Amino acid sequence: MPHIRDSKRLPYSCEQMFDLVADVDKYPEFLPWVVATRVRSDSATEMTADMLVGFKAIREKFTSRVTKDRPRSILVHYVDGPLRDLDNSWTFEPDGDGRCRIDFCVDFTFKNKVFEALAGQYADRAFRKMVAAFEARAGDLYGSNSSSATNVA
């Protein structure tokens, strides 16, 4: 099962970053490969959502249950789709002066071992591209201050 983790300090509040990550409806506007999303249900503490991802002619739909603890964490649990398993977590911790430290972790397993081996070669690069998209979106929404972002992993 591929496991990828990243940690960053960003010049945004935990509340701002939590809201950005929890706004699944906006993902097609800024996340690479996300073609469409549909929120089936949403409350302050839980969401069920579908995400259609695509690359060239390939399209796959994922359904996830999202547990939200504003502004501390977002946990995503795989419900249905082309994978055997997919879990990811976001944690947001205050880091002084209105900044926050974000820890992001994703674990996934493909149903097809051959596909998993192929995808595993590109997973880290794809993951980094998606994390960069969230960071760029934060800059667009809350003001760009990219010189203040630091990796802490």
Protein backbone atom coordinates (compact mmCIF):
# COMPACT_ATOMS: atom_id res chain seq x y z
CA MET A 1 0.00 0.00 0.00
CA PRO A 2 1.64 3.28 -1.07
CA HIS A 3 1.94 5.78 1.79
CA ILE A 4 2.70 9.44 1.18
CA ARG A 5 3.02 12.16 3.78
CA ASP A 6 3.84 15.86 3.71
CA SER A 7 3.97 18.61 6.28
CA LYS A 8 4.09 22.36 5.67
CA ARG A 9 3.87 25.62 7.54
CA LEU A 10 1.68 28.09 5.71
CA PRO A 11 0.89 31.77 6.33
CA TYR A 12 -2.84 31.07 6.69
CA SER A 13 -4.99 30.25 9.69
CA CYS A 14 -6.15 26.72 10.51
CA GLU A 15 -9.72 27.88 9.86
CA GLN A 16 -8.83 29.16 6.40
CA MET A 17 -7.04 25.97 5.40
CA PHE A 18 -9.75 23.77 6.89
CA ASP A 19 -12.40 25.66 4.89
CA LEU A 20 -10.38 25.37 1.69
CA VAL A 21 -9.92 21.59 2.05
CA ALA A 22 -13.54 21.03 3.13
CA ASP A 23 -14.93 22.91 0.10
CA VAL A 24 -15.13 19.82 -2.12
CA ASP A 25 -17.51 21.55 -4.58
CA LYS A 26 -14.64 23.84 -5.65
CA TYR A 27 -12.08 21.09 -6.34
CA PRO A 28 -12.69 21.01 -10.12
CA GLU A 29 -11.67 24.69 -10.24
CA PHE A 30 -8.11 24.08 -9.07
CA LEU A 31 -7.17 20.43 -8.53
CA PRO A 32 -5.46 18.62 -11.39
CA TRP A 33 -7.36 15.62 -12.73
CA VAL A 34 -10.56 16.44 -10.80
CA VAL A 35 -13.27 16.64 -13.46
CA ALA A 36 -16.35 16.97 -11.23
CA THR A 37 -17.57 16.58 -7.66
CA ARG A 38 -20.96 15.98 -6.11
CA VAL A 39 -21.67 16.37 -2.40
CA ARG A 40 -24.36 13.85 -1.46
CA SER A 41 -24.74 15.00 2.13
CA ASP A 42 -23.00 17.56 4.29
CA SER A 43 -23.11 18.62 7.93
CA ALA A 44 -20.70 20.37 10.28
CA THR A 45 -19.07 17.02 11.14
CA GLU A 46 -19.57 14.67 8.18
CA MET A 47 -19.86 14.72 4.41
CA THR A 48 -20.38 12.08 1.73
CA ALA A 49 -19.08 13.10 -1.68
CA ASP A 50 -18.35 11.72 -5.14
CA MET A 51 -15.32 12.81 -7.12
CA LEU A 52 -14.82 12.14 -10.82
CA VAL A 53 -11.14 12.10 -11.75
CA GLY A 54 -9.80 11.87 -15.24
CA PHE A 55 -6.63 11.73 -17.22
CA LYS A 56 -6.88 11.67 -21.01
CA ALA A 57 -9.57 9.07 -21.86
CA ILE A 58 -9.65 7.48 -18.39
CA ARG A 59 -12.45 8.54 -16.00
CA GLU A 60 -13.10 7.02 -12.57
CA LYS A 61 -15.57 7.93 -9.82
CA PHE A 62 -14.69 7.73 -6.12
CA THR A 63 -17.12 7.99 -3.23
CA SER A 64 -15.78 9.04 0.16
CA ARG A 65 -17.09 9.71 3.63
CA VAL A 66 -15.41 12.73 5.18
CA THR A 67 -15.22 13.31 8.92
CA LYS A 68 -14.68 16.97 9.83
CA ASP A 69 -13.43 18.41 13.13
CA ARG A 70 -13.21 22.14 12.40
CA PRO A 71 -10.57 23.57 12.45
CA ARG A 72 -8.37 20.64 13.57
CA SER A 73 -8.75 17.82 11.06
CA ILE A 74 -10.39 16.29 8.00
CA LEU A 75 -10.37 12.50 7.62
CA VAL A 76 -11.34 10.95 4.29
CA HIS A 77 -12.50 7.33 4.18
CA TYR A 78 -12.98 5.49 0.91
CA VAL A 79 -16.46 4.09 0.28
CA ASP A 80 -16.53 3.00 -3.37
CA GLY A 81 -14.62 3.24 -6.62
CA PRO A 82 -11.75 1.66 -8.56
CA LEU A 83 -9.46 1.19 -5.57
CA ARG A 84 -9.43 -1.41 -2.84
CA ASP A 85 -8.75 1.24 -0.21
CA LEU A 86 -7.98 4.95 0.09
CA ASP A 87 -7.62 6.94 3.28
CA ASN A 88 -6.24 10.38 3.75
CA SER A 89 -6.02 12.82 6.59
CA TRP A 90 -5.42 16.51 6.99
CA THR A 91 -4.47 17.97 10.35
CA PHE A 92 -4.20 21.70 11.01
CA GLU A 93 -2.26 23.05 14.00
CA PRO A 94 -1.74 26.71 14.94
CA ASP A 95 1.89 27.74 14.42
CA GLY A 96 1.88 31.27 15.77
CA ASP A 97 1.15 34.66 14.17
CA GLY A 98 -1.97 33.36 12.38
CA ARG A 99 -0.01 30.64 10.59
CA CYS A 100 -0.71 26.93 10.62
CA ARG A 101 1.14 23.70 10.22
CA ILE A 102 -0.57 21.24 7.90
CA ASP A 103 0.12 17.52 7.95
CA PHE A 104 -1.29 15.53 5.04
CA CYS A 105 -1.16 11.76 4.70
CA VAL A 106 -2.60 9.41 2.07
CA ASP A 107 -2.61 5.61 1.89
CA PHE A 108 -4.12 3.72 -1.03
CA THR A 109 -4.33 0.25 -2.52
CA PHE A 110 -5.47 -0.57 -6.05
CA LYS A 111 -7.65 -3.60 -6.74
CA ASN A 112 -5.31 -4.52 -9.60
CA LYS A 113 -1.72 -5.16 -8.45
CA VAL A 114 -0.26 -4.42 -11.89
CA PHE A 115 -2.03 -1.05 -11.98
CA GLU A 116 -0.85 -0.35 -8.44
CA ALA A 117 2.75 -1.02 -9.45
CA LEU A 118 2.43 1.31 -12.46
CA ALA A 119 0.63 4.04 -10.55
CA GLY A 120 3.07 3.76 -7.67
CA GLN A 121 5.81 5.06 -9.94
CA TYR A 122 3.91 8.33 -10.38
CA ALA A 123 2.08 8.61 -7.05
CA ASP A 124 4.59 10.83 -5.27
CA ARG A 125 4.83 13.27 -8.19
CA ALA A 126 1.02 13.41 -8.52
CA PHE A 127 0.65 13.90 -4.78
CA ARG A 128 3.13 16.80 -4.78
CA LYS A 129 1.26 18.41 -7.67
CA MET A 130 -2.03 18.21 -5.77
CA VAL A 131 -0.53 19.62 -2.56
CA ALA A 132 0.92 22.50 -4.61
CA ALA A 133 -2.56 23.11 -6.08
CA PHE A 134 -4.05 23.46 -2.57
CA GLU A 135 -1.25 25.84 -1.61
CA ALA A 136 -1.77 27.93 -4.76
CA ARG A 137 -5.53 28.01 -4.12
CA ALA A 138 -4.88 29.32 -0.61
CA GLY A 139 -2.77 32.09 -2.11
CA ASP A 140 -5.55 32.95 -4.56
CA LEU A 141 -8.20 33.03 -1.83
CA TYR A 142 -6.30 34.51 1.10
CA GLY A 143 -3.44 36.43 -0.47
CA SER A 144 -0.20 35.14 -1.86
CA ASN A 145 2.67 34.89 0.53
CA SER A 146 4.48 31.88 -0.92
CA SER A 147 7.82 32.95 0.48
CA SER A 148 6.43 32.15 3.94
CA ALA A 149 5.55 28.53 3.14
CA THR A 150 8.04 26.00 4.43
CA ASN A 151 8.29 22.24 4.34
CA VAL A 152 8.70 20.70 7.76
CA ALA A 153 8.82 17.00 6.88
